[in-house]
PDB file of all heavy atoms in Angstrom:
ATOM      1  N   VAL A   1       0.841  -1.210   0.000  1.00  0.00           N
ATOM      2  CA  VAL A   1       0.000   0.000   0.000  1.00  0.00           C
ATOM      3  C   VAL A   1       0.872   1.254   0.000  1.00  0.00           C
ATOM      4  O   VAL A   1       0.618   2.198  -0.763  1.00  0.00           O
ATOM      5  CB  VAL A   1      -0.970  -0.016   1.195  1.00  0.00           C
ATOM      6  CG1 VAL A   1      -1.698   1.316   1.322  1.00  0.00           C
ATOM      7  CG2 VAL A   1      -1.965  -1.159   1.066  1.00  0.00           C
ATOM      8  N   VAL A   2       1.911   1.271   0.806  1.00  0.00           N
ATOM      9  CA  VAL A   2       2.796   2.437   0.878  1.00  0.00           C
ATOM     10  C   VAL A   2       3.523   2.657  -0.451  1.00  0.00           C
ATOM     11  O   VAL A   2       3.652   3.799  -0.919  1.00  0.00           O
ATOM     12  CB  VAL A   2       3.804   2.289   2.041  1.00  0.00           C
ATOM     13  CG1 VAL A   2       4.912   3.321   1.955  1.00  0.00           C
ATOM     14  CG2 VAL A   2       3.084   2.385   3.371  1.00  0.00           C
ATOM     15  N   LEU A   3       3.963   1.588  -1.087  1.00  0.00           N
ATOM     16  CA  LEU A   3       4.667   1.720  -2.363  1.00  0.00           C
ATOM     17  C   LEU A   3       3.762   2.287  -3.453  1.00  0.00           C
ATOM     18  O   LEU A   3       4.187   3.138  -4.239  1.00  0.00           O
ATOM     19  CB  LEU A   3       5.238   0.376  -2.806  1.00  0.00           C
ATOM     20  CG  LEU A   3       6.508  -0.065  -2.106  1.00  0.00           C
ATOM     21  CD1 LEU A   3       6.901  -1.469  -2.550  1.00  0.00           C
ATOM     22  CD2 LEU A   3       7.637   0.893  -2.409  1.00  0.00           C
ATOM     23  N   VAL A   4       2.521   1.827  -3.509  1.00  0.00           N
ATOM     24  CA  VAL A   4       1.598   2.350  -4.527  1.00  0.00           C
ATOM     25  C   VAL A   4       1.302   3.827  -4.246  1.00  0.00           C
ATOM     26  O   VAL A   4       1.305   4.655  -5.162  1.00  0.00           O
ATOM     27  CB  VAL A   4       0.304   1.512  -4.579  1.00  0.00           C
ATOM     28  CG1 VAL A   4      -0.718   2.146  -5.495  1.00  0.00           C
ATOM     29  CG2 VAL A   4       0.603   0.087  -5.035  1.00  0.00           C
ATOM     30  N   GLY A   5       1.077   4.178  -2.984  1.00  0.00           N
ATOM     31  CA  GLY A   5       0.824   5.575  -2.635  1.00  0.00           C
ATOM     32  C   GLY A   5       2.022   6.462  -2.918  1.00  0.00           C
ATOM     33  O   GLY A   5       1.875   7.563  -3.470  1.00  0.00           O
ATOM     34  N   ALA A   6       3.206   6.010  -2.549  1.00  0.00           N
ATOM     35  CA  ALA A   6       4.419   6.798  -2.788  1.00  0.00           C
ATOM     36  C   ALA A   6       4.685   6.945  -4.284  1.00  0.00           C
ATOM     37  O   ALA A   6       5.124   8.008  -4.745  1.00  0.00           O
ATOM     38  CB  ALA A   6       5.613   6.143  -2.102  1.00  0.00           C
ATOM     39  N   SER A   7       4.399   5.908  -5.029  1.00  0.00           N
ATOM     40  CA  SER A   7       4.578   5.970  -6.477  1.00  0.00           C
ATOM     41  C   SER A   7       3.698   7.051  -7.086  1.00  0.00           C
ATOM     42  O   SER A   7       4.148   7.828  -7.943  1.00  0.00           O
ATOM     43  CB  SER A   7       4.247   4.608  -7.086  1.00  0.00           C
ATOM     44  OG  SER A   7       4.270   4.669  -8.494  1.00  0.00           O
ATOM     45  N   ALA A   8       2.441   7.111  -6.653  1.00  0.00           N
ATOM     46  CA  ALA A   8       1.538   8.151  -7.165  1.00  0.00           C
ATOM     47  C   ALA A   8       2.064   9.539  -6.808  1.00  0.00           C
ATOM     48  O   ALA A   8       2.026  10.462  -7.637  1.00  0.00           O
ATOM     49  CB  ALA A   8       0.141   7.950  -6.600  1.00  0.00           C
ATOM     50  N   GLY A   9       2.563   9.702  -5.600  1.00  0.00           N
ATOM     51  CA  GLY A   9       3.123  10.988  -5.191  1.00  0.00           C
ATOM     52  C   GLY A   9       4.355  11.369  -5.989  1.00  0.00           C
ATOM     53  O   GLY A   9       4.520  12.530  -6.390  1.00  0.00           O
ATOM     54  N   LEU A  10       5.221  10.398  -6.243  1.00  0.00           N
ATOM     55  CA  LEU A  10       6.439  10.683  -7.009  1.00  0.00           C
ATOM     56  C   LEU A  10       6.129  11.014  -8.464  1.00  0.00           C
ATOM     57  O   LEU A  10       6.788  11.877  -9.061  1.00  0.00           O
ATOM     58  CB  LEU A  10       7.396   9.491  -6.932  1.00  0.00           C
ATOM     59  CG  LEU A  10       8.081   9.301  -5.586  1.00  0.00           C
ATOM     60  CD1 LEU A  10       8.862   7.993  -5.561  1.00  0.00           C
ATOM     61  CD2 LEU A  10       8.994  10.470  -5.282  1.00  0.00           C
ATOM     62  N   ILE A  11       5.128  10.368  -9.028  1.00  0.00           N
ATOM     63  CA  ILE A  11       4.731  10.684 -10.399  1.00  0.00           C
ATOM     64  C   ILE A  11       4.207  12.115 -10.458  1.00  0.00           C
ATOM     65  O   ILE A  11       4.519  12.875 -11.381  1.00  0.00           O
ATOM     66  CB  ILE A  11       3.683   9.672 -10.900  1.00  0.00           C
ATOM     67  CG1 ILE A  11       4.338   8.320 -11.116  1.00  0.00           C
ATOM     68  CG2 ILE A  11       3.019  10.163 -12.187  1.00  0.00           C
ATOM     69  CD1 ILE A  11       3.366   7.187 -11.366  1.00  0.00           C
ATOM     70  N   THR A  12       3.408  12.492  -9.470  1.00  0.00           N
ATOM     71  CA  THR A  12       2.881  13.855  -9.421  1.00  0.00           C
ATOM     72  C   THR A  12       4.006  14.863  -9.217  1.00  0.00           C
ATOM     73  O   THR A  12       4.023  15.928  -9.833  1.00  0.00           O
ATOM     74  CB  THR A  12       1.840  13.981  -8.300  1.00  0.00           C
ATOM     75  OG1 THR A  12       0.849  12.976  -8.479  1.00  0.00           O
ATOM     76  CG2 THR A  12       1.179  15.343  -8.311  1.00  0.00           C
ATOM     77  N   LEU A  13       4.961  14.533  -8.369  1.00  0.00           N
ATOM     78  CA  LEU A  13       6.112  15.405  -8.142  1.00  0.00           C
ATOM     79  C   LEU A  13       6.911  15.591  -9.424  1.00  0.00           C
ATOM     80  O   LEU A  13       7.294  16.708  -9.770  1.00  0.00           O
ATOM     81  CB  LEU A  13       7.006  14.819  -7.038  1.00  0.00           C
ATOM     82  CG  LEU A  13       8.303  15.563  -6.742  1.00  0.00           C
ATOM     83  CD1 LEU A  13       7.995  16.934  -6.164  1.00  0.00           C
ATOM     84  CD2 LEU A  13       9.162  14.749  -5.788  1.00  0.00           C
ATOM     85  N   SER A  14       7.148  14.514 -10.152  1.00  0.00           N
ATOM     86  CA  SER A  14       7.928  14.620 -11.390  1.00  0.00           C
ATOM     87  C   SER A  14       7.175  15.396 -12.466  1.00  0.00           C
ATOM     88  O   SER A  14       7.790  15.954 -13.374  1.00  0.00           O
ATOM     89  CB  SER A  14       8.311  13.232 -11.908  1.00  0.00           C
ATOM     90  OG  SER A  14       7.177  12.557 -12.393  1.00  0.00           O
ATOM     91  N   GLY A  15       5.846  15.437 -12.352  1.00  0.00           N
ATOM     92  CA  GLY A  15       5.051  16.217 -13.290  1.00  0.00           C
ATOM     93  C   GLY A  15       4.935  17.681 -12.904  1.00  0.00           C
ATOM     94  O   GLY A  15       4.264  18.449 -13.583  1.00  0.00           O
ATOM     95  N   GLY A  16       5.529  18.063 -11.795  1.00  0.00           N
ATOM     96  CA  GLY A  16       5.536  19.464 -11.383  1.00  0.00           C
ATOM     97  C   GLY A  16       4.330  19.850 -10.545  1.00  0.00           C
ATOM     98  O   GLY A  16       3.953  21.018 -10.515  1.00  0.00           O
ATOM     99  N   GLY A  17       3.733  18.904  -9.857  1.00  0.00           N
ATOM    100  CA  GLY A  17       2.561  19.193  -9.033  1.00  0.00           C
ATOM    101  C   GLY A  17       2.905  19.972  -7.783  1.00  0.00           C
ATOM    102  O   GLY A  17       4.042  19.953  -7.300  1.00  0.00           O
ATOM    103  N   SER A  18       1.900  20.670  -7.254  1.00  0.00           N
ATOM    104  CA  SER A  18       2.080  21.414  -6.003  1.00  0.00           C
ATOM    105  C   SER A  18       2.054  20.434  -4.826  1.00  0.00           C
ATOM    106  O   SER A  18       1.744  19.256  -4.991  1.00  0.00           O
ATOM    107  CB  SER A  18       0.964  22.441  -5.846  1.00  0.00           C
ATOM    108  OG  SER A  18      -0.278  21.781  -5.638  1.00  0.00           O
ATOM    109  N   LEU A  19       2.353  20.943  -3.641  1.00  0.00           N
ATOM    110  CA  LEU A  19       2.347  20.088  -2.455  1.00  0.00           C
ATOM    111  C   LEU A  19       0.967  19.504  -2.184  1.00  0.00           C
ATOM    112  O   LEU A  19       0.840  18.351  -1.777  1.00  0.00           O
ATOM    113  CB  LEU A  19       2.838  20.857  -1.231  1.00  0.00           C
ATOM    114  CG  LEU A  19       4.339  21.130  -1.178  1.00  0.00           C
ATOM    115  CD1 LEU A  19       4.678  21.963   0.067  1.00  0.00           C
ATOM    116  CD2 LEU A  19       5.125  19.850  -1.172  1.00  0.00           C
ATOM    117  N   VAL A  20      -0.070  20.296  -2.428  1.00  0.00           N
ATOM    118  CA  VAL A  20      -1.436  19.813  -2.227  1.00  0.00           C
ATOM    119  C   VAL A  20      -1.739  18.685  -3.215  1.00  0.00           C
ATOM    120  O   VAL A  20      -2.292  17.653  -2.845  1.00  0.00           O
ATOM    121  CB  VAL A  20      -2.460  20.964  -2.374  1.00  0.00           C
ATOM    122  CG1 VAL A  20      -3.880  20.443  -2.353  1.00  0.00           C
ATOM    123  CG2 VAL A  20      -2.245  21.997  -1.284  1.00  0.00           C
ATOM    124  N   GLN A  21      -1.365  18.871  -4.463  1.00  0.00           N
ATOM    125  CA  GLN A  21      -1.595  17.843  -5.477  1.00  0.00           C
ATOM    126  C   GLN A  21      -0.825  16.565  -5.153  1.00  0.00           C
ATOM    127  O   GLN A  21      -1.345  15.464  -5.337  1.00  0.00           O
ATOM    128  CB  GLN A  21      -1.204  18.357  -6.856  1.00  0.00           C
ATOM    129  CG  GLN A  21      -2.117  19.441  -7.376  1.00  0.00           C
ATOM    130  CD  GLN A  21      -1.591  20.086  -8.639  1.00  0.00           C
ATOM    131  OE1 GLN A  21      -0.370  20.204  -8.819  1.00  0.00           O
ATOM    132  NE2 GLN A  21      -2.503  20.516  -9.503  1.00  0.00           N
ATOM    133  N   ILE A  22       0.382  16.715  -4.673  1.00  0.00           N
ATOM    134  CA  ILE A  22       1.190  15.544  -4.310  1.00  0.00           C
ATOM    135  C   ILE A  22       0.537  14.812  -3.148  1.00  0.00           C
ATOM    136  O   ILE A  22       0.439  13.586  -3.148  1.00  0.00           O
ATOM    137  CB  ILE A  22       2.641  15.965  -3.973  1.00  0.00           C
ATOM    138  CG1 ILE A  22       3.341  16.494  -5.228  1.00  0.00           C
ATOM    139  CG2 ILE A  22       3.420  14.807  -3.373  1.00  0.00           C
ATOM    140  CD1 ILE A  22       4.658  17.190  -4.965  1.00  0.00           C
ATOM    141  N   GLY A  23       0.082  15.576  -2.147  1.00  0.00           N
ATOM    142  CA  GLY A  23      -0.593  14.969  -1.000  1.00  0.00           C
ATOM    143  C   GLY A  23      -1.848  14.215  -1.408  1.00  0.00           C
ATOM    144  O   GLY A  23      -2.101  13.102  -0.955  1.00  0.00           O
ATOM    145  N   VAL A  24      -2.634  14.840  -2.283  1.00  0.00           N
ATOM    146  CA  VAL A  24      -3.854  14.179  -2.764  1.00  0.00           C
ATOM    147  C   VAL A  24      -3.496  12.909  -3.534  1.00  0.00           C
ATOM    148  O   VAL A  24      -4.144  11.871  -3.383  1.00  0.00           O
ATOM    149  CB  VAL A  24      -4.694  15.150  -3.625  1.00  0.00           C
ATOM    150  CG1 VAL A  24      -5.808  14.434  -4.355  1.00  0.00           C
ATOM    151  CG2 VAL A  24      -5.246  16.271  -2.768  1.00  0.00           C
ATOM    152  N   ALA A  25      -2.463  12.986  -4.350  1.00  0.00           N
ATOM    153  CA  ALA A  25      -2.049  11.819  -5.123  1.00  0.00           C
ATOM    154  C   ALA A  25      -1.606  10.674  -4.211  1.00  0.00           C
ATOM    155  O   ALA A  25      -1.909   9.512  -4.482  1.00  0.00           O
ATOM    156  CB  ALA A  25      -0.922  12.192  -6.085  1.00  0.00           C
ATOM    157  N   VAL A  26      -0.904  11.002  -3.136  1.00  0.00           N
ATOM    158  CA  VAL A  26      -0.466   9.966  -2.196  1.00  0.00           C
ATOM    159  C   VAL A  26      -1.668   9.312  -1.522  1.00  0.00           C
ATOM    160  O   VAL A  26      -1.740   8.085  -1.404  1.00  0.00           O
ATOM    161  CB  VAL A  26       0.519  10.546  -1.150  1.00  0.00           C
ATOM    162  CG1 VAL A  26       0.760   9.559  -0.024  1.00  0.00           C
ATOM    163  CG2 VAL A  26       1.828  10.931  -1.815  1.00  0.00           C
ATOM    164  N   VAL A  27      -2.629  10.123  -1.111  1.00  0.00           N
ATOM    165  CA  VAL A  27      -3.828   9.579  -0.454  1.00  0.00           C
ATOM    166  C   VAL A  27      -4.623   8.715  -1.423  1.00  0.00           C
ATOM    167  O   VAL A  27      -5.004   7.586  -1.106  1.00  0.00           O
ATOM    168  CB  VAL A  27      -4.692  10.719   0.132  1.00  0.00           C
ATOM    169  CG1 VAL A  27      -6.037  10.198   0.597  1.00  0.00           C
ATOM    170  CG2 VAL A  27      -3.959  11.399   1.271  1.00  0.00           C
ATOM    171  N   VAL A  28      -4.863   9.239  -2.619  1.00  0.00           N
ATOM    172  CA  VAL A  28      -5.624   8.471  -3.610  1.00  0.00           C
ATOM    173  C   VAL A  28      -4.848   7.216  -4.018  1.00  0.00           C
ATOM    174  O   VAL A  28      -5.434   6.136  -4.166  1.00  0.00           O
ATOM    175  CB  VAL A  28      -5.956   9.353  -4.836  1.00  0.00           C
ATOM    176  CG1 VAL A  28      -6.549   8.529  -5.965  1.00  0.00           C
ATOM    177  CG2 VAL A  28      -6.897  10.472  -4.437  1.00  0.00           C
TER     178      VAL A  28
END
């Protein structure tokens, strides 16, 4: 579960997302 969540956050980070977007991506 942590790996899938972290992966979503890292993808958002590499796409230039804001901190809020990264947080949402990790939760989702």
